[in-house]
Amino acid sequence: MGIAEQPASAGQASSDKSWHGIVLQTLKRNEISLIPYVPDRVLTPLIKNLHADPFFTTFATAREEEAVGIVSGAWMGGRRGAVLMQTSGFATLANVLDSLALEHHTITRLDELEFIADRSIKQAVTTQAPVALILNPLLTGGKTFDK
């Protein structure tokens, strides 16, 4: 998914009303500080801003399963984390996540993003159960391909 917006600097992120600015601030507000990811073009604005903010420990992993294992271990050790992955990466985990009856929400509108993301994180923390937030291409702008 390609985004036409320029990434905000760390100082601008708090007033950033882009999808990636809202996600960053919602993670931070909920003390989600460990962010492994599988590199993806759509996630680039968010990943760049996470790397620029010293609050977050952000790094690339080779596979989605690796990132999930890292966050699971960190969670058991008392640290909050979230995995960033593209839709095709999520598809590789579908059977495992379905068997866990994973709570999930698909977000398509910018005006719903902060509320749904914030409430989902709070629910995950309270219930000690994972949650998946799926950012629809209608929200992120979808993948674009250079000519």
N, C-alpha and C. Protein backbone atom coordinates (compact mmCIF):
# COMPACT_ATOMS: atom_id res chain seq x y z
N MET A 1 0.84 -1.16 0.00
CA MET A 1 0.00 0.00 0.00
C MET A 1 0.90 1.23 0.00
N GLY A 2 0.75 2.07 -0.96
CA GLY A 2 1.56 3.27 -1.05
C GLY A 2 0.84 4.47 -0.46
N ILE A 3 1.57 5.31 0.21
CA ILE A 3 1.00 6.48 0.85
C ILE A 3 1.60 7.72 0.22
N ALA A 4 0.77 8.68 -0.14
CA ALA A 4 1.26 9.90 -0.78
C ALA A 4 1.80 10.89 0.25
N GLU A 5 1.49 10.69 1.52
CA GLU A 5 1.91 11.63 2.56
C GLU A 5 3.38 11.44 2.88
N GLN A 6 4.00 12.53 3.32
CA GLN A 6 5.37 12.46 3.80
C GLN A 6 5.33 12.08 5.27
N PRO A 7 6.30 11.24 5.73
CA PRO A 7 6.32 10.89 7.15
C PRO A 7 6.53 12.14 7.99
N ALA A 8 5.83 12.19 9.12
CA ALA A 8 5.99 13.32 10.03
C ALA A 8 7.25 13.14 10.85
N SER A 9 7.87 14.24 11.22
CA SER A 9 9.01 14.14 12.13
C SER A 9 8.49 13.79 13.50
N ALA A 10 9.38 13.36 14.37
CA ALA A 10 8.96 12.95 15.72
C ALA A 10 8.21 14.06 16.43
N GLY A 11 8.59 15.30 16.23
CA GLY A 11 7.94 16.42 16.89
C GLY A 11 6.55 16.70 16.36
N GLN A 12 6.30 16.33 15.11
CA GLN A 12 5.00 16.59 14.51
C GLN A 12 4.02 15.46 14.74
N ALA A 13 4.50 14.30 15.18
CA ALA A 13 3.67 13.11 15.24
C ALA A 13 2.44 13.27 16.12
N SER A 14 2.54 14.04 17.21
CA SER A 14 1.41 14.15 18.12
C SER A 14 0.21 14.85 17.48
N SER A 15 0.42 15.70 16.50
CA SER A 15 -0.69 16.38 15.84
C SER A 15 -0.98 15.77 14.48
N ASP A 16 -0.30 14.70 14.12
CA ASP A 16 -0.45 14.05 12.82
C ASP A 16 -1.77 13.29 12.77
N LYS A 17 -2.62 13.64 11.83
CA LYS A 17 -3.92 12.97 11.69
C LYS A 17 -3.94 12.01 10.51
N SER A 18 -2.75 11.59 10.05
CA SER A 18 -2.67 10.54 9.03
C SER A 18 -2.90 9.20 9.72
N TRP A 19 -3.17 8.16 8.97
CA TRP A 19 -3.39 6.84 9.58
C TRP A 19 -2.16 6.41 10.37
N HIS A 20 -0.96 6.66 9.82
CA HIS A 20 0.24 6.21 10.51
C HIS A 20 0.55 7.06 11.73
N GLY A 21 0.20 8.34 11.71
CA GLY A 21 0.37 9.18 12.89
C GLY A 21 -0.55 8.76 14.02
N ILE A 22 -1.78 8.43 13.68
CA ILE A 22 -2.75 7.98 14.68
C ILE A 22 -2.32 6.65 15.28
N VAL A 23 -1.86 5.72 14.45
CA VAL A 23 -1.40 4.42 14.96
C VAL A 23 -0.22 4.61 15.91
N LEU A 24 0.76 5.42 15.52
CA LEU A 24 1.93 5.65 16.37
C LEU A 24 1.51 6.22 17.73
N GLN A 25 0.69 7.23 17.74
CA GLN A 25 0.28 7.86 18.99
C GLN A 25 -0.57 6.92 19.86
N THR A 26 -1.39 6.09 19.22
CA THR A 26 -2.21 5.14 19.98
C THR A 26 -1.33 4.06 20.61
N LEU A 27 -0.33 3.58 19.88
CA LEU A 27 0.61 2.61 20.45
C LEU A 27 1.33 3.22 21.65
N LYS A 28 1.82 4.42 21.47
CA LYS A 28 2.58 5.10 22.53
C LYS A 28 1.73 5.35 23.76
N ARG A 29 0.53 5.84 23.57
CA ARG A 29 -0.38 6.13 24.68
C ARG A 29 -0.69 4.87 25.48
N ASN A 30 -0.69 3.72 24.82
CA ASN A 30 -0.98 2.45 25.48
C ASN A 30 0.28 1.67 25.87
N GLU A 31 1.42 2.35 25.84
CA GLU A 31 2.71 1.79 26.26
C GLU A 31 3.11 0.53 25.50
N ILE A 32 2.78 0.51 24.21
CA ILE A 32 3.21 -0.56 23.32
C ILE A 32 4.52 -0.10 22.71
N SER A 33 5.64 -0.62 23.21
CA SER A 33 6.93 -0.06 22.82
C SER A 33 7.80 -0.98 21.97
N LEU A 34 7.51 -2.25 21.91
CA LEU A 34 8.29 -3.20 21.11
C LEU A 34 7.56 -3.48 19.81
N ILE A 35 8.19 -3.13 18.68
CA ILE A 35 7.50 -3.22 17.39
C ILE A 35 8.38 -3.94 16.35
N PRO A 36 8.35 -5.27 16.33
CA PRO A 36 9.00 -5.97 15.22
C PRO A 36 8.08 -5.93 13.99
N TYR A 37 8.68 -5.99 12.81
CA TYR A 37 7.88 -5.91 11.59
C TYR A 37 8.58 -6.65 10.46
N VAL A 38 7.79 -6.99 9.46
CA VAL A 38 8.32 -7.47 8.19
C VAL A 38 8.19 -6.29 7.23
N PRO A 39 9.30 -5.85 6.64
CA PRO A 39 9.25 -4.64 5.79
C PRO A 39 8.17 -4.72 4.72
N ASP A 40 7.52 -3.59 4.51
CA ASP A 40 6.44 -3.49 3.53
C ASP A 40 6.31 -2.05 3.09
N ARG A 41 6.05 -1.84 1.84
CA ARG A 41 5.95 -0.49 1.27
C ARG A 41 4.84 0.34 1.92
N VAL A 42 3.70 -0.27 2.17
CA VAL A 42 2.58 0.45 2.76
C VAL A 42 2.89 0.92 4.17
N LEU A 43 3.60 0.10 4.91
CA LEU A 43 3.91 0.42 6.31
C LEU A 43 5.08 1.38 6.47
N THR A 44 5.75 1.72 5.38
CA THR A 44 6.97 2.55 5.45
C THR A 44 6.80 3.84 6.24
N PRO A 45 5.75 4.64 6.04
CA PRO A 45 5.63 5.87 6.84
C PRO A 45 5.56 5.59 8.34
N LEU A 46 4.82 4.58 8.72
CA LEU A 46 4.71 4.22 10.13
C LEU A 46 6.05 3.70 10.66
N ILE A 47 6.69 2.83 9.92
CA ILE A 47 7.96 2.26 10.35
C ILE A 47 9.02 3.34 10.52
N LYS A 48 9.10 4.27 9.57
CA LYS A 48 10.09 5.36 9.68
C LYS A 48 9.85 6.21 10.92
N ASN A 49 8.60 6.51 11.20
CA ASN A 49 8.27 7.31 12.38
C ASN A 49 8.52 6.55 13.68
N LEU A 50 8.28 5.25 13.68
CA LEU A 50 8.57 4.44 14.87
C LEU A 50 10.07 4.42 15.14
N HIS A 51 10.87 4.24 14.09
CA HIS A 51 12.33 4.26 14.24
C HIS A 51 12.82 5.61 14.76
N ALA A 52 12.18 6.69 14.35
CA ALA A 52 12.61 8.04 14.73
C ALA A 52 12.26 8.39 16.17
N ASP A 53 11.35 7.64 16.78
CA ASP A 53 10.89 7.94 18.14
C ASP A 53 11.62 7.04 19.13
N PRO A 54 12.41 7.60 20.05
CA PRO A 54 13.18 6.78 20.99
C PRO A 54 12.33 5.96 21.96
N PHE A 55 11.05 6.24 22.05
CA PHE A 55 10.16 5.45 22.91
C PHE A 55 10.09 4.00 22.44
N PHE A 56 10.17 3.80 21.11
CA PHE A 56 9.95 2.49 20.52
C PHE A 56 11.25 1.74 20.27
N THR A 57 11.19 0.42 20.44
CA THR A 57 12.23 -0.48 19.97
C THR A 57 11.64 -1.14 18.73
N THR A 58 12.15 -0.77 17.59
CA THR A 58 11.58 -1.18 16.31
C THR A 58 12.65 -1.85 15.46
N PHE A 59 12.34 -3.03 14.91
CA PHE A 59 13.33 -3.72 14.09
C PHE A 59 12.63 -4.68 13.13
N ALA A 60 13.31 -4.96 12.03
CA ALA A 60 12.78 -5.86 11.01
C ALA A 60 13.05 -7.31 11.39
N THR A 61 12.13 -8.18 11.01
CA THR A 61 12.31 -9.62 11.17
C THR A 61 12.23 -10.26 9.79
N ALA A 62 12.69 -11.49 9.70
CA ALA A 62 12.70 -12.18 8.41
C ALA A 62 11.31 -12.72 8.04
N ARG A 63 10.56 -13.13 9.04
CA ARG A 63 9.25 -13.73 8.79
C ARG A 63 8.24 -13.26 9.83
N GLU A 64 6.98 -13.34 9.47
CA GLU A 64 5.91 -12.93 10.38
C GLU A 64 5.89 -13.78 11.65
N GLU A 65 6.13 -15.09 11.49
CA GLU A 65 6.13 -15.99 12.64
C GLU A 65 7.20 -15.59 13.65
N GLU A 66 8.33 -15.15 13.16
CA GLU A 66 9.41 -14.69 14.04
C GLU A 66 8.95 -13.48 14.86
N ALA A 67 8.31 -12.53 14.22
CA ALA A 67 7.84 -11.33 14.91
C ALA A 67 6.79 -11.68 15.96
N VAL A 68 5.88 -12.59 15.64
CA VAL A 68 4.86 -13.00 16.60
C VAL A 68 5.51 -13.68 17.80
N GLY A 69 6.52 -14.52 17.56
CA GLY A 69 7.22 -15.18 18.66
C GLY A 69 7.93 -14.18 19.57
N ILE A 70 8.55 -13.17 18.98
CA ILE A 70 9.25 -12.14 19.76
C ILE A 70 8.27 -11.38 20.65
N VAL A 71 7.16 -10.96 20.07
CA VAL A 71 6.18 -10.21 20.85
C VAL A 71 5.54 -11.09 21.92
N SER A 72 5.28 -12.34 21.61
CA SER A 72 4.70 -13.25 22.60
C SER A 72 5.62 -13.42 23.79
N GLY A 73 6.90 -13.64 23.52
CA GLY A 73 7.87 -13.76 24.61
C GLY A 73 8.00 -12.49 25.42
N ALA A 74 8.03 -11.37 24.75
CA ALA A 74 8.13 -10.07 25.44
C ALA A 74 6.90 -9.86 26.33
N TRP A 75 5.72 -10.20 25.82
CA TRP A 75 4.48 -10.03 26.58
C TRP A 75 4.54 -10.87 27.86
N MET A 76 5.03 -12.11 27.74
CA MET A 76 5.15 -12.97 28.92
C MET A 76 6.14 -12.40 29.93
N GLY A 77 7.11 -11.63 29.44
CA GLY A 77 8.08 -11.00 30.31
C GLY A 77 7.65 -9.64 30.82
N GLY A 78 6.44 -9.20 30.47
CA GLY A 78 5.92 -7.95 30.99
C GLY A 78 6.07 -6.74 30.08
N ARG A 79 6.52 -6.93 28.85
CA ARG A 79 6.66 -5.81 27.93
C ARG A 79 5.59 -5.89 26.85
N ARG A 80 4.99 -4.78 26.56
CA ARG A 80 3.94 -4.72 25.55
C ARG A 80 4.54 -4.53 24.16
N GLY A 81 4.01 -5.27 23.21
CA GLY A 81 4.50 -5.17 21.85
C GLY A 81 3.40 -5.38 20.84
N ALA A 82 3.71 -5.03 19.60
CA ALA A 82 2.78 -5.22 18.48
C ALA A 82 3.59 -5.60 17.26
N VAL A 83 3.03 -6.44 16.42
CA VAL A 83 3.67 -6.86 15.18
C VAL A 83 3.04 -6.09 14.03
N LEU A 84 3.88 -5.55 13.16
CA LEU A 84 3.40 -4.92 11.93
C LEU A 84 3.66 -5.88 10.78
N MET A 85 2.64 -6.15 9.99
CA MET A 85 2.82 -7.01 8.82
C MET A 85 1.82 -6.64 7.75
N GLN A 86 2.19 -6.95 6.54
CA GLN A 86 1.29 -6.69 5.43
C GLN A 86 0.21 -7.76 5.38
N THR A 87 -0.81 -7.54 4.59
CA THR A 87 -1.93 -8.46 4.50
C THR A 87 -1.49 -9.86 4.07
N SER A 88 -0.60 -9.95 3.10
CA SER A 88 -0.17 -11.28 2.65
C SER A 88 0.59 -12.00 3.77
N GLY A 89 1.30 -11.25 4.61
CA GLY A 89 1.98 -11.86 5.75
C GLY A 89 0.98 -12.37 6.77
N PHE A 90 -0.08 -11.60 6.99
CA PHE A 90 -1.13 -12.02 7.90
C PHE A 90 -1.78 -13.30 7.40
N ALA A 91 -1.91 -13.43 6.08
CA ALA A 91 -2.54 -14.62 5.50
C ALA A 91 -1.75 -15.88 5.83
N THR A 92 -0.43 -15.76 6.01
CA THR A 92 0.37 -16.94 6.34
C THR A 92 0.08 -17.43 7.76
N LEU A 93 -0.49 -16.58 8.58
CA LEU A 93 -0.79 -16.93 9.97
C LEU A 93 -2.27 -17.24 10.21
N ALA A 94 -3.07 -17.16 9.18
CA ALA A 94 -4.53 -17.23 9.36
C ALA A 94 -4.99 -18.49 10.09
N ASN A 95 -4.48 -19.64 9.71
CA ASN A 95 -4.93 -20.88 10.35
C ASN A 95 -4.58 -20.90 11.83
N VAL A 96 -3.37 -20.49 12.16
CA VAL A 96 -2.95 -20.46 13.56
C VAL A 96 -3.80 -19.48 14.35
N LEU A 97 -3.98 -18.27 13.82
CA LEU A 97 -4.74 -17.25 14.53
C LEU A 97 -6.22 -17.62 14.65
N ASP A 98 -6.79 -18.22 13.58
CA ASP A 98 -8.19 -18.66 13.66
C ASP A 98 -8.38 -19.71 14.74
N SER A 99 -7.40 -20.62 14.85
CA SER A 99 -7.52 -21.67 15.86
C SER A 99 -7.44 -21.10 17.27
N LEU A 100 -6.87 -19.92 17.42
CA LEU A 100 -6.81 -19.25 18.72
C LEU A 100 -8.03 -18.37 18.98
N ALA A 101 -8.96 -18.34 18.02
CA ALA A 101 -10.15 -17.48 18.12
C ALA A 101 -9.74 -16.04 18.39
N LEU A 102 -8.82 -15.55 17.59
CA LEU A 102 -8.25 -14.22 17.78
C LEU A 102 -9.27 -13.13 17.48
N GLU A 103 -9.41 -12.22 18.42
CA GLU A 103 -10.25 -11.03 18.21
C GLU A 103 -9.61 -10.19 17.11
N HIS A 104 -10.42 -9.69 16.18
CA HIS A 104 -9.86 -8.87 15.11
C HIS A 104 -10.88 -7.83 14.66
N HIS A 105 -10.33 -6.73 14.14
CA HIS A 105 -11.15 -5.63 13.64
C HIS A 105 -10.53 -5.13 12.34
N THR A 106 -11.36 -4.96 11.32
CA THR A 106 -10.91 -4.37 10.07
C THR A 106 -11.34 -2.90 10.07
N ILE A 107 -10.36 -2.03 9.88
CA ILE A 107 -10.63 -0.59 9.94
C ILE A 107 -10.51 -0.02 8.53
N THR A 108 -11.56 0.66 8.08
CA THR A 108 -11.58 1.23 6.74
C THR A 108 -11.63 2.75 6.73
N ARG A 109 -11.99 3.35 7.88
CA ARG A 109 -12.19 4.81 7.91
C ARG A 109 -11.25 5.46 8.93
N LEU A 110 -10.66 6.57 8.52
CA LEU A 110 -9.73 7.31 9.38
C LEU A 110 -10.42 7.78 10.66
N ASP A 111 -11.69 8.19 10.56
CA ASP A 111 -12.38 8.70 11.75
C ASP A 111 -12.69 7.62 12.79
N GLU A 112 -12.54 6.35 12.44
CA GLU A 112 -12.76 5.24 13.38
C GLU A 112 -11.45 4.65 13.91
N LEU A 113 -10.35 4.96 13.25
CA LEU A 113 -9.08 4.31 13.55
C LEU A 113 -8.64 4.45 15.00
N GLU A 114 -8.57 5.68 15.50
CA GLU A 114 -8.05 5.89 16.85
C GLU A 114 -8.93 5.21 17.90
N PHE A 115 -10.24 5.34 17.78
CA PHE A 115 -11.15 4.73 18.76
C PHE A 115 -11.02 3.21 18.76
N ILE A 116 -11.07 2.60 17.58
CA ILE A 116 -11.02 1.13 17.50
C ILE A 116 -9.66 0.61 17.95
N ALA A 117 -8.59 1.25 17.51
CA ALA A 117 -7.25 0.81 17.90
C ALA A 117 -7.05 0.95 19.41
N ASP A 118 -7.43 2.07 19.97
CA ASP A 118 -7.27 2.31 21.41
C ASP A 118 -8.08 1.31 22.22
N ARG A 119 -9.34 1.12 21.89
CA ARG A 119 -10.20 0.19 22.64
C ARG A 119 -9.72 -1.25 22.48
N SER A 120 -9.24 -1.60 21.30
CA SER A 120 -8.75 -2.96 21.08
C SER A 120 -7.51 -3.26 21.92
N ILE A 121 -6.60 -2.30 21.99
CA ILE A 121 -5.40 -2.47 22.81
C ILE A 121 -5.78 -2.58 24.28
N LYS A 122 -6.66 -1.72 24.74
CA LYS A 122 -7.09 -1.78 26.14
C LYS A 122 -7.76 -3.12 26.46
N GLN A 123 -8.57 -3.63 25.53
CA GLN A 123 -9.22 -4.93 25.72
C GLN A 123 -8.17 -6.03 25.78
N ALA A 124 -7.18 -5.98 24.90
CA ALA A 124 -6.13 -7.00 24.88
C ALA A 124 -5.35 -7.02 26.19
N VAL A 125 -5.05 -5.83 26.71
CA VAL A 125 -4.32 -5.74 27.97
C VAL A 125 -5.18 -6.27 29.12
N THR A 126 -6.42 -5.88 29.17
CA THR A 126 -7.32 -6.29 30.25
C THR A 126 -7.58 -7.78 30.24
N THR A 127 -7.83 -8.34 29.06
CA THR A 127 -8.17 -9.76 28.95
C THR A 127 -6.95 -10.66 28.78
N GLN A 128 -5.77 -10.04 28.58
CA GLN A 128 -4.54 -10.80 28.31
C GLN A 128 -4.70 -11.70 27.08
N ALA A 129 -5.41 -11.19 26.08
CA ALA A 129 -5.64 -11.94 24.84
C ALA A 129 -5.22 -11.07 23.66
N PRO A 130 -4.60 -11.66 22.66
CA PRO A 130 -4.15 -10.87 21.51
C PRO A 130 -5.31 -10.35 20.69
N VAL A 131 -5.03 -9.31 19.92
CA VAL A 131 -6.00 -8.73 19.02
C VAL A 131 -5.28 -8.37 17.72
N ALA A 132 -5.98 -8.48 16.61
CA ALA A 132 -5.42 -8.09 15.31
C ALA A 132 -6.20 -6.90 14.78
N LEU A 133 -5.49 -5.88 14.35
CA LEU A 133 -6.09 -4.73 13.70
C LEU A 133 -5.68 -4.78 12.24
N ILE A 134 -6.66 -4.87 11.37
CA ILE A 134 -6.42 -4.97 9.94
C ILE A 134 -6.75 -3.62 9.33
N LEU A 135 -5.74 -2.97 8.76
CA LEU A 135 -5.93 -1.66 8.14
C LEU A 135 -6.23 -1.86 6.67
N ASN A 136 -7.46 -1.65 6.30
CA ASN A 136 -7.94 -1.83 4.94
C ASN A 136 -7.26 -0.85 3.99
N PRO A 137 -7.01 -1.26 2.73
CA PRO A 137 -6.44 -0.33 1.74
C PRO A 137 -7.25 0.94 1.55
N LEU A 138 -8.55 0.94 1.87
CA LEU A 138 -9.35 2.15 1.80
C LEU A 138 -8.83 3.18 2.81
N LEU A 139 -8.22 2.71 3.90
CA LEU A 139 -7.67 3.58 4.92
C LEU A 139 -6.25 4.02 4.56
N THR A 140 -5.43 3.07 4.15
CA THR A 140 -4.01 3.35 3.94
C THR A 140 -3.67 3.85 2.54
N GLY A 141 -4.59 3.72 1.62
CA GLY A 141 -4.32 4.15 0.26
C GLY A 141 -3.99 3.00 -0.68
N GLY A 142 -3.80 1.83 -0.15
CA GLY A 142 -3.51 0.66 -0.97
C GLY A 142 -2.13 0.68 -1.57
N LYS A 143 -1.78 -0.43 -2.18
CA LYS A 143 -0.47 -0.53 -2.84
C LYS A 143 -0.50 0.26 -4.13
N THR A 144 0.58 0.97 -4.39
CA THR A 144 0.74 1.64 -5.66
C THR A 144 2.02 1.11 -6.30
N PHE A 145 2.03 1.09 -7.59
CA PHE A 145 3.18 0.58 -8.32
C PHE A 145 3.71 1.66 -9.22
N ASP A 146 5.02 1.91 -9.13
CA ASP A 146 5.64 2.92 -9.99
C ASP A 146 5.67 2.42 -11.41
N LYS A 147 5.49 3.35 -12.35
CA LYS A 147 5.51 2.96 -13.78
C LYS A 147 6.91 2.94 -14.30
